[in-house]
Amino acid sequence: MQTEILPALTGDNELNTESIDRAAALLRVGEVVGIPTETVYGLAANAFDEKAVAKIFKAKGRPQDNPLIVHISAFEEIRELVSAVPEAAKKLADAFWPGPLTIILPKSSRIPDAVSAGLPSVAVRMPSHSVARAVIARAGVPLAAPSANLSGSPSPTNAKTVFDDMQGRIPLILDGGGSRVGVESTVITLCTEVPRVLRPGGVTVEQLRAVLGAVEVDDAVLHQLKAGEKAASPGMKYKHYAPRADITIVRGSLAQFRQYVAEQAADAFVLCFAGEERYFPHAVPYGAAESDSEQANRLFDALRELDALGAKTVYARCPSLDGVGLAVYNRLIRAAGFHLIDLTEE
């Protein structure tokens, strides 16, 4: 299969209707298309078509027990996906849609088990990227779309990275520029007595609590799933978002981090905050220490850069667990296989 990349925007940053029509036509006949969103690029297929959804899993090499997020272009489209729309869902949609928030609700009979991984619920999101919403609207169907990478590897934030992973696996990638947020959406379930965040992202826990009041954070956000525990959301698996290198997160001050790294192998790489790379012979920065949004935007590209540099062992500076920093930490701890060294406890 030849994989084509088409510009989704014109030189004036308007929608390229020819490219969008091409993508929509492929989606309507059961093909898979790489599309841009504000979080990361997605691998999209008709959410109502089990055969099309199966092509997503095949292209990614994705485990079948990992649910997919269904993307819509307007709020009213949610009604055929879920069995009911509670007031909490309306409040969240009013506050954060379109945007990087996924809401889990009891599913309707139209959602195939392949999309929900056999769960009685479905995850729904309305992206804010104009290209994503235009493709959904033109295709006329909701789109199941996980990140457009090979399963387990860092998620792609640009069309070239999608091509690197998906060349020969899908027919088309729409190039809509770089993703603004850089990490996948926040996932909140409304299927529990108290709403619960299953995956942090660009919408923070603090913002969700401002709208809903009580919001819990699932234990799996910071820790690995227990043996036999089923993933209720994408991104809850043991090791995810990972480059080929072995990563260890090191929590502590810059001075503690420098001393620790100096005691390790000379060819080890460092994933550090911007401006700190001058202290290390092999370093890749992933955003300023004081900017969690910059860290989120840069993280996956930095992980892929480590692969390109041939890094085998990486020591990573630990981000804050506040705000969007929680999303950054959540992705890093999974990329590291939950290997953390806390120098602040010494």
Protein backbone atom coordinates (compact mmCIF):
# COMPACT_ATOMS: atom_id res chain seq x y z
CA MET A 1 0.00 0.00 0.00
CA GLN A 2 1.22 3.49 -0.89
CA THR A 3 0.73 6.09 1.84
CA GLU A 4 -0.06 9.59 0.59
CA ILE A 5 0.35 12.82 2.55
CA LEU A 6 -1.96 15.68 1.56
CA PRO A 7 -2.03 19.24 2.94
CA ALA A 8 -5.16 19.77 5.02
CA LEU A 9 -4.75 23.55 5.00
CA THR A 10 -4.08 26.05 2.23
CA GLY A 11 -1.31 28.64 2.27
CA ASP A 12 -3.82 31.05 3.83
CA ASN A 13 -4.48 28.54 6.61
CA GLU A 14 -7.94 27.79 5.26
CA LEU A 15 -9.34 24.28 4.99
CA ASN A 16 -8.17 22.41 1.90
CA THR A 17 -11.53 21.05 0.78
CA GLU A 18 -10.06 18.71 -1.83
CA SER A 19 -7.88 16.95 0.77
CA ILE A 20 -10.72 16.78 3.27
CA ASP A 21 -13.08 15.36 0.63
CA ARG A 22 -10.48 12.72 -0.23
CA ALA A 23 -10.11 11.70 3.42
CA ALA A 24 -13.87 11.60 3.96
CA ALA A 25 -14.39 9.44 0.87
CA LEU A 26 -11.83 6.90 2.14
CA LEU A 27 -13.42 6.85 5.59
CA ARG A 28 -16.88 6.25 4.14
CA VAL A 29 -15.67 3.10 2.36
CA GLY A 30 -14.04 1.64 5.45
CA GLU A 31 -10.43 2.85 5.16
CA VAL A 32 -8.17 4.31 7.86
CA VAL A 33 -6.82 7.87 7.61
CA GLY A 34 -4.26 9.77 9.67
CA ILE A 35 -5.74 13.08 10.81
CA PRO A 36 -4.46 16.02 12.87
CA THR A 37 -6.01 17.01 16.19
CA GLU A 38 -4.96 19.59 18.75
CA THR A 39 -3.68 16.83 21.08
CA VAL A 40 -1.81 14.38 18.82
CA TYR A 41 -2.42 12.93 15.36
CA GLY A 42 -5.11 10.26 15.22
CA LEU A 43 -5.63 7.08 13.21
CA ALA A 44 -9.27 7.43 12.21
CA ALA A 45 -11.93 5.01 10.96
CA ASN A 46 -15.73 4.86 10.92
CA ALA A 47 -16.68 4.03 14.52
CA PHE A 48 -19.78 2.13 13.38
CA ASP A 49 -17.85 -0.15 11.01
CA GLU A 50 -16.22 -3.10 12.83
CA LYS A 51 -14.13 -4.07 9.80
CA ALA A 52 -12.78 -0.53 9.49
CA VAL A 53 -12.03 -0.40 13.23
CA ALA A 54 -10.18 -3.72 12.92
CA LYS A 55 -7.86 -2.02 10.39
CA ILE A 56 -6.85 0.50 13.09
CA PHE A 57 -5.75 -2.29 15.42
CA LYS A 58 -3.87 -3.99 12.58
CA ALA A 59 -2.07 -0.82 11.48
CA LYS A 60 -1.02 0.05 15.04
CA GLY A 61 -0.34 -3.46 16.29
CA ARG A 62 -2.66 -2.45 19.14
CA PRO A 63 -3.97 -4.92 21.76
CA GLN A 64 -7.69 -5.64 21.33
CA ASP A 65 -8.40 -4.95 25.02
CA ASN A 66 -7.50 -1.26 24.70
CA PRO A 67 -10.63 0.87 24.07
CA LEU A 68 -10.78 3.60 21.42
CA ILE A 69 -12.05 7.18 21.66
CA VAL A 70 -14.90 8.17 19.33
CA HIS A 71 -14.60 11.66 17.86
CA ILE A 72 -17.55 13.88 16.90
CA SER A 73 -17.85 17.28 15.20
CA ALA A 74 -20.90 18.65 17.06
CA PHE A 75 -22.45 17.99 20.46
CA GLU A 76 -25.72 16.57 19.10
CA GLU A 77 -23.76 13.70 17.53
CA ILE A 78 -23.14 12.26 20.99
CA ARG A 79 -26.75 11.14 21.33
CA GLU A 80 -26.45 8.17 18.97
CA LEU A 81 -23.28 7.02 20.76
CA VAL A 82 -24.49 6.90 24.36
CA SER A 83 -27.56 5.60 26.18
CA ALA A 84 -28.10 8.88 28.04
CA VAL A 85 -26.53 12.33 28.34
CA PRO A 86 -26.40 13.35 32.03
CA GLU A 87 -26.26 16.95 33.18
CA ALA A 88 -22.59 16.53 34.14
CA ALA A 89 -21.72 15.69 30.52
CA LYS A 90 -23.51 18.82 29.30
CA LYS A 91 -21.61 20.95 31.81
CA LEU A 92 -18.27 19.48 30.72
CA ALA A 93 -19.09 19.93 27.04
CA ASP A 94 -20.12 23.55 27.60
CA ALA A 95 -16.86 24.23 29.42
CA PHE A 96 -14.33 22.25 27.39
CA TRP A 97 -15.72 21.19 23.98
CA PRO A 98 -14.39 21.46 21.43
CA GLY A 99 -11.10 20.66 23.14
CA PRO A 100 -8.80 18.07 24.71
CA LEU A 101 -11.35 16.35 26.97
CA THR A 102 -12.78 12.84 26.53
CA ILE A 103 -15.96 11.88 28.42
CA ILE A 104 -16.83 8.25 29.16
CA LEU A 105 -20.54 7.38 29.31
CA PRO A 106 -22.69 4.22 29.05
CA LYS A 107 -22.69 3.29 25.37
CA SER A 108 -25.57 2.87 22.95
CA SER A 109 -26.20 -0.31 20.98
CA ARG A 110 -24.58 1.29 17.93
CA ILE A 111 -21.06 1.11 19.39
CA PRO A 112 -19.28 -2.12 18.38
CA ASP A 113 -17.46 -4.07 21.08
CA ALA A 114 -14.28 -3.59 19.03
CA VAL A 115 -14.44 0.14 19.82
CA SER A 116 -15.24 -0.19 23.53
CA ALA A 117 -13.01 -3.26 24.10
CA GLY A 118 -16.11 -5.08 25.32
CA LEU A 119 -16.84 -2.50 28.02
CA PRO A 120 -20.41 -1.21 28.54
CA SER A 121 -19.16 2.36 28.09
CA VAL A 122 -17.81 4.53 25.29
CA ALA A 123 -15.28 7.38 25.31
CA VAL A 124 -16.31 10.45 23.31
CA ARG A 125 -14.47 13.64 22.37
CA MET A 126 -15.03 16.70 20.19
CA PRO A 127 -11.61 17.90 18.97
CA SER A 128 -10.94 21.61 18.55
CA HIS A 129 -8.73 21.19 15.45
CA SER A 130 -10.67 22.57 12.48
CA VAL A 131 -9.38 19.84 10.15
CA ALA A 132 -10.47 17.00 12.44
CA ARG A 133 -13.98 18.41 12.81
CA ALA A 134 -14.26 19.09 9.08
CA VAL A 135 -13.26 15.51 8.24
CA ILE A 136 -15.79 14.08 10.71
CA ALA A 137 -18.58 16.29 9.37
CA ARG A 138 -17.74 15.54 5.73
CA ALA A 139 -17.48 11.78 6.37
CA GLY A 140 -20.89 11.87 8.05
CA VAL A 141 -19.91 9.34 10.73
CA PRO A 142 -18.19 9.51 14.12
CA LEU A 143 -14.56 8.48 13.96
CA ALA A 144 -12.81 6.05 16.28
CA ALA A 145 -9.26 7.38 16.48
CA PRO A 146 -6.39 6.39 18.75
CA SER A 147 -2.99 8.06 18.34
CA ALA A 148 -1.47 7.45 14.91
CA ASN A 149 1.66 5.60 16.04
CA LEU A 150 2.78 2.02 16.32
CA SER A 151 1.39 0.70 19.59
CA GLY A 152 3.58 1.49 22.59
CA SER A 153 5.78 4.07 20.87
CA PRO A 154 5.62 7.86 21.43
CA SER A 155 2.52 9.49 19.96
CA PRO A 156 2.97 11.62 16.82
CA THR A 157 2.47 15.39 16.83
CA ASN A 158 3.10 15.99 13.12
CA ALA A 159 2.37 14.31 9.79
CA LYS A 160 5.97 13.27 9.13
CA THR A 161 6.08 11.24 12.34
CA VAL A 162 2.81 9.54 11.40
CA PHE A 163 4.35 8.66 8.04
CA ASP A 164 7.44 7.23 9.74
CA ASP A 165 5.24 4.77 11.66
CA MET A 166 2.40 4.21 9.18
CA GLN A 167 4.08 4.17 5.77
CA GLY A 168 2.55 1.29 3.81
CA ARG A 169 -0.07 0.63 6.53
CA ILE A 170 -2.70 3.28 5.70
CA PRO A 171 -3.62 5.02 2.42
CA LEU A 172 -3.68 8.68 3.51
CA ILE A 173 -2.36 11.16 6.08
CA LEU A 174 -3.70 14.71 6.27
CA ASP A 175 -1.01 17.24 7.21
CA GLY A 176 -2.57 19.88 9.45
CA GLY A 177 0.63 21.17 11.03
CA GLY A 178 1.96 20.52 14.51
CA SER A 179 -0.35 19.54 17.35
CA ARG A 180 -0.91 22.40 19.79
CA VAL A 181 -1.27 20.44 23.05
CA GLY A 182 1.15 17.60 22.33
CA VAL A 183 -0.26 14.91 24.67
CA GLU A 184 -3.50 12.97 24.39
CA SER A 185 -6.77 14.26 25.83
CA THR A 186 -7.82 14.15 29.45
CA VAL A 187 -10.21 11.22 30.01
CA ILE A 188 -12.94 11.48 32.65
CA THR A 189 -15.53 8.80 33.33
CA LEU A 190 -19.06 9.66 34.40
CA CYS A 191 -19.85 5.97 34.90
CA THR A 192 -18.71 6.07 38.54
CA GLU A 193 -20.53 7.55 41.53
CA VAL A 194 -17.98 10.36 41.63
CA PRO A 195 -16.53 11.48 38.27
CA ARG A 196 -13.01 10.10 37.91
CA VAL A 197 -10.03 11.08 35.78
CA LEU A 198 -8.57 8.00 34.11
CA ARG A 199 -5.95 9.84 32.07
CA PRO A 200 -4.72 13.42 32.59
CA GLY A 201 -4.21 15.76 29.65
CA GLY A 202 -4.62 19.34 28.50
CA VAL A 203 -7.72 19.88 30.66
CA THR A 204 -6.49 19.74 34.25
CA VAL A 205 -8.03 18.11 37.31
CA GLU A 206 -8.33 21.57 38.85
CA GLN A 207 -10.36 22.81 35.85
CA LEU A 208 -12.66 19.78 36.01
CA ARG A 209 -13.31 20.31 39.72
CA ALA A 210 -14.17 23.94 39.05
CA VAL A 211 -17.02 22.72 36.83
CA LEU A 212 -18.19 19.53 38.57
CA GLY A 213 -17.08 19.88 42.16
CA ALA A 214 -15.86 16.50 43.41
CA VAL A 215 -13.60 14.72 40.89
CA GLU A 216 -11.39 11.77 41.81
CA VAL A 217 -8.11 10.78 40.17
CA ASP A 218 -7.82 7.08 39.38
CA ASP A 219 -4.92 5.24 41.00
CA ALA A 220 -3.80 4.11 37.51
CA VAL A 221 -2.88 7.71 36.60
CA LEU A 222 0.27 7.41 38.74
CA HIS A 223 0.62 3.64 39.12
CA GLN A 224 0.47 0.59 36.89
CA LEU A 225 -2.72 -1.44 36.55
CA LYS A 226 -3.04 -4.34 38.96
CA ALA A 227 -2.68 -7.88 37.62
CA GLY A 228 -5.80 -8.82 35.64
CA GLU A 229 -7.25 -5.29 35.85
CA LYS A 230 -8.87 -4.17 32.59
CA ALA A 231 -8.06 -0.82 31.01
CA ALA A 232 -11.13 1.45 31.16
CA SER A 233 -9.41 4.10 29.06
CA PRO A 234 -6.66 4.39 26.46
CA GLY A 235 -3.25 5.10 27.98
CA MET A 236 -3.67 2.97 31.11
CA LYS A 237 -1.44 0.12 29.97
CA TYR A 238 1.76 -0.84 31.82
CA LYS A 239 4.29 0.52 29.33
CA HIS A 240 3.22 3.07 26.79
CA TYR A 241 4.53 6.08 24.86
CA ALA A 242 8.00 4.54 25.07
CA PRO A 243 11.11 5.04 22.93
CA ARG A 244 13.53 2.17 22.41
CA ALA A 245 15.81 3.41 25.20
CA ASP A 246 15.47 2.35 28.84
CA ILE A 247 14.22 5.40 30.76
CA THR A 248 14.57 6.14 34.46
CA ILE A 249 12.83 9.17 35.95
CA VAL A 250 14.88 10.91 38.62
CA ARG A 251 13.05 13.16 41.10
CA GLY A 252 15.17 15.79 42.81
CA SER A 253 16.86 19.16 42.41
CA LEU A 254 19.08 19.94 39.44
CA ALA A 255 22.13 19.55 41.69
CA GLN A 256 20.96 16.12 42.86
CA PHE A 257 20.15 15.11 39.31
CA ARG A 258 23.56 16.21 38.00
CA GLN A 259 25.39 14.30 40.70
CA TYR A 260 23.33 11.17 40.08
CA VAL A 261 23.87 11.26 36.30
CA ALA A 262 27.61 11.84 36.77
CA GLU A 263 27.77 8.51 38.61
CA GLN A 264 26.15 6.60 35.72
CA ALA A 265 27.56 5.32 32.43
CA ALA A 266 29.31 7.97 30.36
CA ASP A 267 27.20 7.25 27.27
CA ALA A 268 23.86 7.72 29.06
CA PHE A 269 21.50 10.38 27.71
CA VAL A 270 19.52 12.91 29.69
CA LEU A 271 15.98 14.16 29.13
CA CYS A 272 16.15 17.55 30.82
CA PHE A 273 14.44 20.91 31.06
CA ALA A 274 15.30 23.61 28.53
CA GLY A 275 18.56 25.38 29.36
CA GLU A 276 19.96 22.47 31.39
CA GLU A 277 21.45 20.62 28.42
CA ARG A 278 24.72 22.53 28.85
CA TYR A 279 25.41 20.47 31.98
CA PHE A 280 25.38 17.11 30.20
CA PRO A 281 27.35 15.63 27.27
CA HIS A 282 24.27 13.89 25.82
CA ALA A 283 21.03 15.75 26.47
CA VAL A 284 17.64 16.40 24.88
CA PRO A 285 15.42 19.13 26.42
CA TYR A 286 11.65 18.72 26.64
CA GLY A 287 10.46 22.16 27.67
CA ALA A 288 11.09 24.80 30.31
CA ALA A 289 10.92 23.75 33.97
CA GLU A 290 8.38 26.48 34.67
CA SER A 291 6.09 25.64 31.70
CA ASP A 292 4.06 22.44 31.93
CA SER A 293 2.29 23.23 28.65
CA GLU A 294 5.64 23.53 26.88
CA GLN A 295 6.76 20.21 28.37
CA ALA A 296 3.56 18.56 27.12
CA ASN A 297 3.98 20.03 23.65
CA ARG A 298 7.61 18.90 23.40
CA LEU A 299 7.65 15.54 25.23
CA PHE A 300 6.82 13.03 22.49
CA ASP A 301 9.09 14.72 19.94
CA ALA A 302 11.91 14.61 22.51
CA LEU A 303 11.37 10.88 23.10
CA ARG A 304 11.55 10.23 19.37
CA GLU A 305 14.67 12.40 19.13
CA LEU A 306 16.35 10.15 21.70
CA ASP A 307 15.66 7.20 19.41
CA ALA A 308 17.12 9.07 16.44
CA LEU A 309 20.27 9.77 18.47
CA GLY A 310 20.65 6.09 19.30
CA ALA A 311 20.15 6.50 23.06
CA LYS A 312 20.15 3.21 24.96
CA THR A 313 19.88 4.53 28.54
CA VAL A 314 18.08 7.75 29.49
CA TYR A 315 17.71 9.59 32.81
CA ALA A 316 14.78 12.00 32.82
CA ARG A 317 14.10 15.06 34.94
CA CYS A 318 10.83 14.63 36.84
CA PRO A 319 8.09 17.17 36.04
CA SER A 320 5.69 18.67 38.54
CA LEU A 321 2.50 16.74 39.27
CA ASP A 322 0.37 19.90 39.21
CA GLY A 323 -1.75 21.17 36.32
CA VAL A 324 -0.76 19.82 32.91
CA GLY A 325 2.42 18.55 34.60
CA LEU A 326 0.36 15.59 35.83
CA ALA A 327 -0.23 14.61 32.19
CA VAL A 328 3.47 14.96 31.41
CA TYR A 329 4.39 12.79 34.40
CA ASN A 330 1.72 10.23 33.47
CA ARG A 331 3.22 9.80 29.99
CA LEU A 332 6.81 9.75 31.25
CA ILE A 333 6.21 7.19 34.00
CA ARG A 334 4.66 4.82 31.45
CA ALA A 335 7.47 5.44 28.98
CA ALA A 336 9.82 4.51 31.83
CA GLY A 337 7.90 1.36 32.74
CA PHE A 338 7.29 2.96 36.18
CA HIS A 339 11.03 3.10 36.97
CA LEU A 340 11.45 6.10 39.30
CA ILE A 341 14.31 7.10 41.60
CA ASP A 342 13.37 9.66 44.25
CA LEU A 343 16.44 11.51 45.48
CA THR A 344 14.32 13.76 47.71
CA GLU A 345 13.80 10.81 50.08
CA GLU A 346 17.52 10.34 50.71
